């Protein structure tokens, strides 16, 4: 069931024959909730995905005139490093299957 709070599927992914959704992230009462598929055989690819996500977020800040893309990337990386070194919330991970 689609919710009005869900983001739209990107146009190229929507039109592609073999595109797959691999990640959903929600903020729920201030906490992060994630659904993901472990699609790669090695964890290294997730590092690339995380950096690519940071670039997209940085461009969004720049496009909206909030700060430059470079400034946004620097701030995201600074917070990534700080969170990596001193996690504010380790959260939990549960295996959930489709119903």
PDB file of N, CA and C in Angstrom:
ATOM      1  N   UNK A   1       0.844  -1.179   0.000  1.00  0.00           N
ATOM      2  CA  UNK A   1       0.000   0.000   0.000  1.00  0.00           C
ATOM      3  C   UNK A   1       0.885   1.237   0.000  1.00  0.00           C
ATOM      4  N   UNK A   2       0.617   2.167  -0.884  1.00  0.00           N
ATOM      5  CA  UNK A   2       1.428   3.374  -1.007  1.00  0.00           C
ATOM      6  C   UNK A   2       0.892   4.455  -0.073  1.00  0.00           C
ATOM      7  N   UNK A   3       1.793   5.125   0.598  1.00  0.00           N
ATOM      8  CA  UNK A   3       1.442   6.201   1.511  1.00  0.00           C
ATOM      9  C   UNK A   3       1.770   7.544   0.874  1.00  0.00           C
ATOM     10  N   UNK A   4       1.000   8.557   1.205  1.00  0.00           N
ATOM     11  CA  UNK A   4       1.256   9.907   0.703  1.00  0.00           C
ATOM     12  C   UNK A   4       2.594  10.431   1.213  1.00  0.00           C
ATOM     13  N   UNK A   5       3.156   9.789   2.219  1.00  0.00           N
ATOM     14  CA  UNK A   5       4.438  10.223   2.779  1.00  0.00           C
ATOM     15  C   UNK A   5       5.612   9.572   2.089  1.00  0.00           C
ATOM     16  N   UNK A   6       5.357   8.658   1.169  1.00  0.00           N
ATOM     17  CA  UNK A   6       6.445   8.002   0.449  1.00  0.00           C
ATOM     18  C   UNK A   6       6.951   8.894  -0.675  1.00  0.00           C
ATOM     19  N   UNK A   7       8.227   8.798  -0.947  1.00  0.00           N
ATOM     20  CA  UNK A   7       8.818   9.528  -2.059  1.00  0.00           C
ATOM     21  C   UNK A   7       8.472   8.836  -3.370  1.00  0.00           C
ATOM     22  N   UNK A   8       8.440   9.584  -4.450  1.00  0.00           N
ATOM     23  CA  UNK A   8       8.169   8.949  -5.744  1.00  0.00           C
ATOM     24  C   UNK A   8       9.359   8.109  -6.206  1.00  0.00           C
ATOM     25  N   UNK A   9       9.067   7.123  -7.032  1.00  0.00           N
ATOM     26  CA  UNK A   9      10.135   6.320  -7.636  1.00  0.00           C
ATOM     27  C   UNK A   9      10.829   7.202  -8.667  1.00  0.00           C
ATOM     28  N   UNK A  10      12.171   7.241  -8.694  1.00  0.00           N
ATOM     29  CA  UNK A  10      12.872   8.048  -9.690  1.00  0.00           C
ATOM     30  C   UNK A  10      12.441   7.638 -11.107  1.00  0.00           C
ATOM     31  N   UNK A  11      12.296   8.610 -12.006  1.00  0.00           N
ATOM     32  CA  UNK A  11      11.766   8.329 -13.350  1.00  0.00           C
ATOM     33  C   UNK A  11      12.512   7.237 -14.119  1.00  0.00           C
ATOM     34  N   UNK A  12      13.837   7.267 -14.116  1.00  0.00           N
ATOM     35  CA  UNK A  12      14.576   6.244 -14.862  1.00  0.00           C
ATOM     36  C   UNK A  12      14.402   4.866 -14.239  1.00  0.00           C
ATOM     37  N   UNK A  13      14.328   4.804 -12.907  1.00  0.00           N
ATOM     38  CA  UNK A  13      14.106   3.519 -12.246  1.00  0.00           C
ATOM     39  C   UNK A  13      12.702   3.002 -12.542  1.00  0.00           C
ATOM     40  N   UNK A  14      11.757   3.917 -12.575  1.00  0.00           N
ATOM     41  CA  UNK A  14      10.380   3.534 -12.864  1.00  0.00           C
ATOM     42  C   UNK A  14      10.243   2.944 -14.264  1.00  0.00           C
ATOM     43  N   UNK A  15      11.004   3.473 -15.206  1.00  0.00           N
ATOM     44  CA  UNK A  15      10.926   3.027 -16.597  1.00  0.00           C
ATOM     45  C   UNK A  15      11.809   1.813 -16.886  1.00  0.00           C
ATOM     46  N   UNK A  16      12.766   1.528 -16.021  1.00  0.00           N
ATOM     47  CA  UNK A  16      13.721   0.445 -16.271  1.00  0.00           C
ATOM     48  C   UNK A  16      13.075  -0.923 -16.081  1.00  0.00           C
ATOM     49  N   UNK A  17      13.528  -1.877 -16.863  1.00  0.00           N
ATOM     50  CA  UNK A  17      12.991  -3.243 -16.778  1.00  0.00           C
ATOM     51  C   UNK A  17      13.536  -4.006 -15.581  1.00  0.00           C
ATOM     52  N   UNK A  18      14.765  -3.704 -15.155  1.00  0.00           N
ATOM     53  CA  UNK A  18      15.390  -4.500 -14.100  1.00  0.00           C
ATOM     54  C   UNK A  18      15.831  -3.678 -12.886  1.00  0.00           C
ATOM     55  N   UNK A  19      15.254  -2.523 -12.665  1.00  0.00           N
ATOM     56  CA  UNK A  19      15.610  -1.728 -11.491  1.00  0.00           C
ATOM     57  C   UNK A  19      15.018  -2.371 -10.243  1.00  0.00           C
ATOM     58  N   UNK A  20      15.737  -2.258  -9.124  1.00  0.00           N
ATOM     59  CA  UNK A  20      15.272  -2.820  -7.861  1.00  0.00           C
ATOM     60  C   UNK A  20      15.438  -1.801  -6.748  1.00  0.00           C
ATOM     61  N   UNK A  21      14.447  -1.690  -5.911  1.00  0.00           N
ATOM     62  CA  UNK A  21      14.566  -0.860  -4.716  1.00  0.00           C
ATOM     63  C   UNK A  21      15.397  -1.641  -3.707  1.00  0.00           C
ATOM     64  N   UNK A  22      16.442  -1.008  -3.174  1.00  0.00           N
ATOM     65  CA  UNK A  22      17.307  -1.716  -2.227  1.00  0.00           C
ATOM     66  C   UNK A  22      17.335  -1.070  -0.849  1.00  0.00           C
ATOM     67  N   UNK A  23      16.780   0.154  -0.723  1.00  0.00           N
ATOM     68  CA  UNK A  23      16.878   0.872   0.548  1.00  0.00           C
ATOM     69  C   UNK A  23      15.675   1.787   0.743  1.00  0.00           C
ATOM     70  N   UNK A  24      15.108   1.742   1.926  1.00  0.00           N
ATOM     71  CA  UNK A  24      14.101   2.708   2.363  1.00  0.00           C
ATOM     72  C   UNK A  24      14.529   3.189   3.741  1.00  0.00           C
ATOM     73  N   UNK A  25      14.428   4.475   3.972  1.00  0.00           N
ATOM     74  CA  UNK A  25      14.794   5.033   5.270  1.00  0.00           C
ATOM     75  C   UNK A  25      13.682   5.970   5.739  1.00  0.00           C
ATOM     76  N   UNK A  26      13.264   5.807   6.973  1.00  0.00           N
ATOM     77  CA  UNK A  26      12.199   6.607   7.557  1.00  0.00           C
ATOM     78  C   UNK A  26      12.665   7.157   8.896  1.00  0.00           C
ATOM     79  N   UNK A  27      12.222   8.360   9.218  1.00  0.00           N
ATOM     80  CA  UNK A  27      12.402   8.905  10.558  1.00  0.00           C
ATOM     81  C   UNK A  27      11.073   8.717  11.269  1.00  0.00           C
ATOM     82  N   UNK A  28      11.101   7.991  12.381  1.00  0.00           N
ATOM     83  CA  UNK A  28       9.895   7.681  13.132  1.00  0.00           C
ATOM     84  C   UNK A  28      10.130   8.065  14.582  1.00  0.00           C
ATOM     85  N   UNK A  29       9.429   9.079  15.045  1.00  0.00           N
ATOM     86  CA  UNK A  29       9.618   9.585  16.410  1.00  0.00           C
ATOM     87  C   UNK A  29      11.088   9.901  16.682  1.00  0.00           C
ATOM     88  N   UNK A  30      11.761  10.483  15.702  1.00  0.00           N
ATOM     89  CA  UNK A  30      13.148  10.891  15.850  1.00  0.00           C
ATOM     90  C   UNK A  30      14.168   9.773  15.647  1.00  0.00           C
ATOM     91  N   UNK A  31      13.703   8.557  15.392  1.00  0.00           N
ATOM     92  CA  UNK A  31      14.619   7.429  15.209  1.00  0.00           C
ATOM     93  C   UNK A  31      14.594   6.970  13.752  1.00  0.00           C
ATOM     94  N   UNK A  32      15.716   6.474  13.294  1.00  0.00           N
ATOM     95  CA  UNK A  32      15.835   5.969  11.929  1.00  0.00           C
ATOM     96  C   UNK A  32      15.324   4.536  11.849  1.00  0.00           C
ATOM     97  N   UNK A  33      14.481   4.283  10.861  1.00  0.00           N
ATOM     98  CA  UNK A  33      14.041   2.929  10.547  1.00  0.00           C
ATOM     99  C   UNK A  33      14.398   2.668   9.097  1.00  0.00           C
ATOM    100  N   UNK A  34      14.955   1.505   8.827  1.00  0.00           N
ATOM    101  CA  UNK A  34      15.466   1.194   7.496  1.00  0.00           C
ATOM    102  C   UNK A  34      15.007  -0.192   7.071  1.00  0.00           C
ATOM    103  N   UNK A  35      14.641  -0.299   5.810  1.00  0.00           N
ATOM    104  CA  UNK A  35      14.469  -1.595   5.158  1.00  0.00           C
ATOM    105  C   UNK A  35      15.506  -1.646   4.059  1.00  0.00           C
ATOM    106  N   UNK A  36      16.231  -2.745   3.963  1.00  0.00           N
ATOM    107  CA  UNK A  36      17.230  -2.845   2.899  1.00  0.00           C
ATOM    108  C   UNK A  36      17.399  -4.272   2.453  1.00  0.00           C
ATOM    109  N   UNK A  37      17.892  -4.396   1.243  1.00  0.00           N
ATOM    110  CA  UNK A  37      18.289  -5.687   0.702  1.00  0.00           C
ATOM    111  C   UNK A  37      19.807  -5.708   0.602  1.00  0.00           C
ATOM    112  N   UNK A  38      20.415  -6.775   1.084  1.00  0.00           N
ATOM    113  CA  UNK A  38      21.857  -6.925   0.952  1.00  0.00           C
ATOM    114  C   UNK A  38      22.105  -7.498  -0.450  1.00  0.00           C
ATOM    115  N   UNK A  39      22.245  -6.609  -1.413  1.00  0.00           N
ATOM    116  CA  UNK A  39      22.293  -7.019  -2.815  1.00  0.00           C
ATOM    117  C   UNK A  39      23.687  -7.363  -3.318  1.00  0.00           C
ATOM    118  N   UNK A  40      24.712  -6.947  -2.621  1.00  0.00           N
ATOM    119  CA  UNK A  40      26.076  -7.214  -3.065  1.00  0.00           C
ATOM    120  C   UNK A  40      26.699  -8.316  -2.221  1.00  0.00           C
ATOM    121  N   UNK A  41      27.657  -9.018  -2.807  1.00  0.00           N
ATOM    122  CA  UNK A  41      28.335 -10.100  -2.098  1.00  0.00           C
ATOM    123  C   UNK A  41      29.324  -9.594  -1.056  1.00  0.00           C
ATOM    124  N   UNK A  42      29.825  -8.387  -1.248  1.00  0.00           N
ATOM    125  CA  UNK A  42      30.811  -7.814  -0.331  1.00  0.00           C
ATOM    126  C   UNK A  42      30.285  -6.491   0.231  1.00  0.00           C
ATOM    127  N   UNK A  43      30.643  -6.148   1.472  1.00  0.00           N
ATOM    128  CA  UNK A  43      30.143  -4.913   2.080  1.00  0.00           C
ATOM    129  C   UNK A  43      30.734  -3.632   1.490  1.00  0.00           C
ATOM    130  N   UNK A  44      31.856  -3.739   0.763  1.00  0.00           N
ATOM    131  CA  UNK A  44      32.523  -2.554   0.214  1.00  0.00           C
ATOM    132  C   UNK A  44      31.588  -1.679  -0.621  1.00  0.00           C
ATOM    133  N   UNK A  45      30.696  -2.298  -1.374  1.00  0.00           N
ATOM    134  CA  UNK A  45      29.808  -1.545  -2.256  1.00  0.00           C
ATOM    135  C   UNK A  45      28.904  -0.600  -1.473  1.00  0.00           C
ATOM    136  N   UNK A  46      28.596  -0.945  -0.232  1.00  0.00           N
ATOM    137  CA  UNK A  46      27.780  -0.050   0.585  1.00  0.00           C
ATOM    138  C   UNK A  46      28.522   1.249   0.896  1.00  0.00           C
ATOM    139  N   UNK A  47      29.844   1.208   0.955  1.00  0.00           N
ATOM    140  CA  UNK A  47      30.620   2.440   1.137  1.00  0.00           C
ATOM    141  C   UNK A  47      30.413   3.380  -0.039  1.00  0.00           C
ATOM    142  N   UNK A  48      30.431   2.818  -1.247  1.00  0.00           N
ATOM    143  CA  UNK A  48      30.184   3.634  -2.445  1.00  0.00           C
ATOM    144  C   UNK A  48      28.774   4.198  -2.399  1.00  0.00           C
ATOM    145  N   UNK A  49      27.792   3.359  -2.050  1.00  0.00           N
ATOM    146  CA  UNK A  49      26.411   3.819  -1.975  1.00  0.00           C
ATOM    147  C   UNK A  49      26.268   4.967  -0.975  1.00  0.00           C
ATOM    148  N   UNK A  50      26.890   4.845   0.202  1.00  0.00           N
ATOM    149  CA  UNK A  50      26.774   5.895   1.218  1.00  0.00           C
ATOM    150  C   UNK A  50      27.378   7.214   0.742  1.00  0.00           C
ATOM    151  N   UNK A  51      28.508   7.159   0.059  1.00  0.00           N
ATOM    152  CA  UNK A  51      29.123   8.374  -0.473  1.00  0.00           C
ATOM    153  C   UNK A  51      28.246   8.966  -1.577  1.00  0.00           C
ATOM    154  N   UNK A  52      27.707   8.109  -2.443  1.00  0.00           N
ATOM    155  CA  UNK A  52      26.804   8.603  -3.487  1.00  0.00           C
ATOM    156  C   UNK A  52      25.574   9.275  -2.882  1.00  0.00           C
ATOM    157  N   UNK A  53      25.024   8.703  -1.808  1.00  0.00           N
ATOM    158  CA  UNK A  53      23.883   9.330  -1.124  1.00  0.00           C
ATOM    159  C   UNK A  53      24.272  10.702  -0.566  1.00  0.00           C
ATOM    160  N   UNK A  54      25.469  10.789   0.009  1.00  0.00           N
ATOM    161  CA  UNK A  54      25.938  12.073   0.538  1.00  0.00           C
ATOM    162  C   UNK A  54      26.054  13.109  -0.579  1.00  0.00           C
ATOM    163  N   UNK A  55      26.521  12.687  -1.740  1.00  0.00           N
ATOM    164  CA  UNK A  55      26.622  13.614  -2.875  1.00  0.00           C
ATOM    165  C   UNK A  55      25.253  14.106  -3.311  1.00  0.00           C
ATOM    166  N   UNK A  56      24.284  13.195  -3.381  1.00  0.00           N
ATOM    167  CA  UNK A  56      22.923  13.599  -3.754  1.00  0.00           C
ATOM    168  C   UNK A  56      22.348  14.581  -2.732  1.00  0.00           C
ATOM    169  N   UNK A  57      22.541  14.299  -1.450  1.00  0.00           N
ATOM    170  CA  UNK A  57      22.048  15.195  -0.409  1.00  0.00           C
ATOM    171  C   UNK A  57      22.739  16.556  -0.504  1.00  0.00           C
ATOM    172  N   UNK A  58      24.039  16.553  -0.753  1.00  0.00           N
ATOM    173  CA  UNK A  58      24.789  17.812  -0.887  1.00  0.00           C
ATOM    174  C   UNK A  58      24.270  18.649  -2.042  1.00  0.00           C
ATOM    175  N   UNK A  59      23.975  17.989  -3.161  1.00  0.00           N
ATOM    176  CA  UNK A  59      23.423  18.713  -4.310  1.00  0.00           C
ATOM    177  C   UNK A  59      22.057  19.293  -3.990  1.00  0.00           C
ATOM    178  N   UNK A  60      21.268  18.570  -3.203  1.00  0.00           N
ATOM    179  CA  UNK A  60      19.949  19.084  -2.809  1.00  0.00           C
ATOM    180  C   UNK A  60      20.101  20.360  -1.984  1.00  0.00           C
ATOM    181  N   UNK A  61      21.038  20.376  -1.041  1.00  0.00           N
ATOM    182  CA  UNK A  61      21.272  21.587  -0.251  1.00  0.00           C
ATOM    183  C   UNK A  61      21.728  22.735  -1.139  1.00  0.00           C
ATOM    184  N   UNK A  62      22.614  22.443  -2.079  1.00  0.00           N
ATOM    185  CA  UNK A  62      23.107  23.483  -2.986  1.00  0.00           C
ATOM    186  C   UNK A  62      21.988  23.987  -3.892  1.00  0.00           C
ATOM    187  N   UNK A  63      21.194  23.089  -4.429  1.00  0.00           N
ATOM    188  CA  UNK A  63      20.089  23.472  -5.311  1.00  0.00           C
ATOM    189  C   UNK A  63      19.085  24.353  -4.594  1.00  0.00           C
ATOM    190  N   UNK A  64      18.863  24.087  -3.320  1.00  0.00           N
ATOM    191  CA  UNK A  64      17.912  24.880  -2.535  1.00  0.00           C
ATOM    192  C   UNK A  64      18.552  26.142  -1.953  1.00  0.00           C
ATOM    193  N   UNK A  65      19.830  26.377  -2.258  1.00  0.00           N
ATOM    194  CA  UNK A  65      20.501  27.603  -1.827  1.00  0.00           C
ATOM    195  C   UNK A  65      20.851  27.648  -0.357  1.00  0.00           C
ATOM    196  N   UNK A  66      20.885  26.506   0.295  1.00  0.00           N
ATOM    197  CA  UNK A  66      21.173  26.470   1.727  1.00  0.00           C
ATOM    198  C   UNK A  66      22.664  26.608   1.992  1.00  0.00           C
ATOM    199  N   UNK A  67      23.464  25.920   1.208  1.00  0.00           N
ATOM    200  CA  UNK A  67      24.918  26.030   1.284  1.00  0.00           C
ATOM    201  C   UNK A  67      25.479  25.438   0.002  1.00  0.00           C
ATOM    202  N   UNK A  68      26.772  25.575  -0.195  1.00  0.00           N
ATOM    203  CA  UNK A  68      27.377  25.012  -1.403  1.00  0.00           C
ATOM    204  C   UNK A  68      27.435  23.491  -1.291  1.00  0.00           C
ATOM    205  N   UNK A  69      27.560  22.847  -2.437  1.00  0.00           N
ATOM    206  CA  UNK A  69      27.694  21.388  -2.447  1.00  0.00           C
ATOM    207  C   UNK A  69      28.931  20.963  -1.655  1.00  0.00           C
ATOM    208  N   UNK A  70      30.039  21.680  -1.841  1.00  0.00           N
ATOM    209  CA  UNK A  70      31.278  21.340  -1.137  1.00  0.00           C
ATOM    210  C   UNK A  70      31.112  21.491   0.369  1.00  0.00           C
ATOM    211  N   UNK A  71      30.451  22.560   0.798  1.00  0.00           N
ATOM    212  CA  UNK A  71      30.226  22.779   2.223  1.00  0.00           C
ATOM    213  C   UNK A  71      29.338  21.680   2.804  1.00  0.00           C
ATOM    214  N   UNK A  72      28.297  21.318   2.078  1.00  0.00           N
ATOM    215  CA  UNK A  72      27.405  20.261   2.546  1.00  0.00           C
ATOM    216  C   UNK A  72      28.162  18.939   2.658  1.00  0.00           C
ATOM    217  N   UNK A  73      28.964  18.607   1.650  1.00  0.00           N
ATOM    218  CA  UNK A  73      29.734  17.355   1.697  1.00  0.00           C
ATOM    219  C   UNK A  73      30.694  17.345   2.884  1.00  0.00           C
ATOM    220  N   UNK A  74      31.351  18.459   3.112  1.00  0.00           N
ATOM    221  CA  UNK A  74      32.289  18.554   4.229  1.00  0.00           C
ATOM    222  C   UNK A  74      31.560  18.334   5.553  1.00  0.00           C
ATOM    223  N   UNK A  75      30.398  18.968   5.701  1.00  0.00           N
ATOM    224  CA  UNK A  75      29.632  18.845   6.946  1.00  0.00           C
ATOM    225  C   UNK A  75      29.091  17.421   7.127  1.00  0.00           C
ATOM    226  N   UNK A  76      28.634  16.813   6.042  1.00  0.00           N
ATOM    227  CA  UNK A  76      28.152  15.430   6.118  1.00  0.00           C
ATOM    228  C   UNK A  76      29.293  14.504   6.534  1.00  0.00           C
ATOM    229  N   UNK A  77      30.453  14.691   5.917  1.00  0.00           N
ATOM    230  CA  UNK A  77      31.603  13.823   6.260  1.00  0.00           C
ATOM    231  C   UNK A  77      32.054  14.039   7.700  1.00  0.00           C
ATOM    232  N   UNK A  78      32.073  15.299   8.138  1.00  0.00           N
ATOM    233  CA  UNK A  78      32.451  15.575   9.534  1.00  0.00           C
ATOM    234  C   UNK A  78      31.517  14.850  10.498  1.00  0.00           C
ATOM    235  N   UNK A  79      30.211  14.911  10.213  1.00  0.00           N
ATOM    236  CA  UNK A  79      29.253  14.263  11.104  1.00  0.00           C
ATOM    237  C   UNK A  79      29.337  12.743  10.970  1.00  0.00           C
ATOM    238  N   UNK A  80      29.585  12.241   9.765  1.00  0.00           N
ATOM    239  CA  UNK A  80      29.780  10.806   9.562  1.00  0.00           C
ATOM    240  C   UNK A  80      30.938  10.310  10.431  1.00  0.00           C
ATOM    241  N   UNK A  81      32.060  11.027  10.362  1.00  0.00           N
ATOM    242  CA  UNK A  81      33.228  10.635  11.150  1.00  0.00           C
ATOM    243  C   UNK A  81      32.940  10.707  12.644  1.00  0.00           C
ATOM    244  N   UNK A  82      32.243  11.768  13.085  1.00  0.00           N
ATOM    245  CA  UNK A  82      31.918  11.912  14.507  1.00  0.00           C
ATOM    246  C   UNK A  82      30.988  10.791  14.960  1.00  0.00           C
ATOM    247  N   UNK A  83      29.987  10.479  14.145  1.00  0.00           N
ATOM    248  CA  UNK A  83      29.041   9.410  14.494  1.00  0.00           C
ATOM    249  C   UNK A  83      29.724   8.054  14.466  1.00  0.00           C
ATOM    250  N   UNK A  84      30.645   7.881  13.527  1.00  0.00           N
ATOM    251  CA  UNK A  84      31.402   6.618  13.435  1.00  0.00           C
ATOM    252  C   UNK A  84      32.214   6.417  14.714  1.00  0.00           C
ATOM    253  N   UNK A  85      32.878   7.496  15.175  1.00  0.00           N
ATOM    254  CA  UNK A  85      33.741   7.414  16.350  1.00  0.00           C
ATOM    255  C   UNK A  85      32.964   7.320  17.667  1.00  0.00           C
ATOM    256  N   UNK A  86      31.830   8.030  17.744  1.00  0.00           N
ATOM    257  CA  UNK A  86      31.037   8.079  18.973  1.00  0.00           C
ATOM    258  C   UNK A  86      29.557   7.987  18.615  1.00  0.00           C
ATOM    259  N   UNK A  87      29.052   6.778  18.398  1.00  0.00           N
ATOM    260  CA  UNK A  87      27.653   6.632  17.973  1.00  0.00           C
ATOM    261  C   UNK A  87      26.673   7.224  18.973  1.00  0.00           C
ATOM    262  N   UNK A  88      25.723   7.982  18.459  1.00  0.00           N
ATOM    263  CA  UNK A  88      24.691   8.545  19.327  1.00  0.00           C
ATOM    264  C   UNK A  88      23.600   7.517  19.597  1.00  0.00           C
ATOM    265  N   UNK A  89      23.444   6.546  18.687  1.00  0.00           N
ATOM    266  CA  UNK A  89      22.443   5.492  18.859  1.00  0.00           C
ATOM    267  C   UNK A  89      22.832   4.327  17.959  1.00  0.00           C
ATOM    268  N   UNK A  90      23.151   3.190  18.530  1.00  0.00           N
ATOM    269  CA  UNK A  90      23.520   2.025  17.731  1.00  0.00           C
ATOM    270  C   UNK A  90      22.310   1.373  17.077  1.00  0.00           C
ATOM    271  N   UNK A  91      21.114   1.632  17.606  1.00  0.00           N
ATOM    272  CA  UNK A  91      19.913   1.063  17.031  1.00  0.00           C
ATOM    273  C   UNK A  91      19.916  -0.453  17.112  1.00  0.00           C
ATOM    274  N   UNK A  92      18.946  -1.065  16.451  1.00  0.00           N
ATOM    275  CA  UNK A  92      18.863  -2.517  16.381  1.00  0.00           C
ATOM    276  C   UNK A  92      18.584  -2.907  14.947  1.00  0.00           C
ATOM    277  N   UNK A  93      18.879  -4.135  14.606  1.00  0.00           N
ATOM    278  CA  UNK A  93      18.617  -4.645  13.271  1.00  0.00           C
ATOM    279  C   UNK A  93      17.889  -5.972  13.412  1.00  0.00           C
ATOM    280  N   UNK A  94      16.722  -6.040  12.793  1.00  0.00           N
ATOM    281  CA  UNK A  94      15.918  -7.253  12.810  1.00  0.00           C
ATOM    282  C   UNK A  94      15.652  -7.687  11.383  1.00  0.00           C
ATOM    283  N   UNK A  95      15.628  -8.977  11.172  1.00  0.00           N
ATOM    284  CA  UNK A  95      15.289  -9.492   9.845  1.00  0.00           C
ATOM    285  C   UNK A  95      13.753  -9.485   9.746  1.00  0.00           C
ATOM    286  N   UNK A  96      13.260  -8.826   8.730  1.00  0.00           N
ATOM    287  CA  UNK A  96      11.828  -8.751   8.491  1.00  0.00           C
ATOM    288  C   UNK A  96      11.565  -9.270   7.092  1.00  0.00           C
ATOM    289  N   UNK A  97      10.561 -10.080   6.938  1.00  0.00           N
ATOM    290  CA  UNK A  97      10.213 -10.595   5.627  1.00  0.00           C
ATOM    291  C   UNK A  97       8.916  -9.964   5.148  1.00  0.00           C
ATOM    292  N   UNK A  98       8.722  -9.972   3.831  1.00  0.00           N
ATOM    293  CA  UNK A  98       7.495  -9.438   3.273  1.00  0.00           C
ATOM    294  C   UNK A  98       6.309 -10.246   3.760  1.00  0.00           C
ATOM    295  N   UNK A  99       5.208  -9.547   3.944  1.00  0.00           N
ATOM    296  CA  UNK A  99       3.992 -10.234   4.395  1.00  0.00           C
ATOM    297  C   UNK A  99       3.090 -10.531   3.239  1.00  0.00           C
TER     298      UNK A  99
END
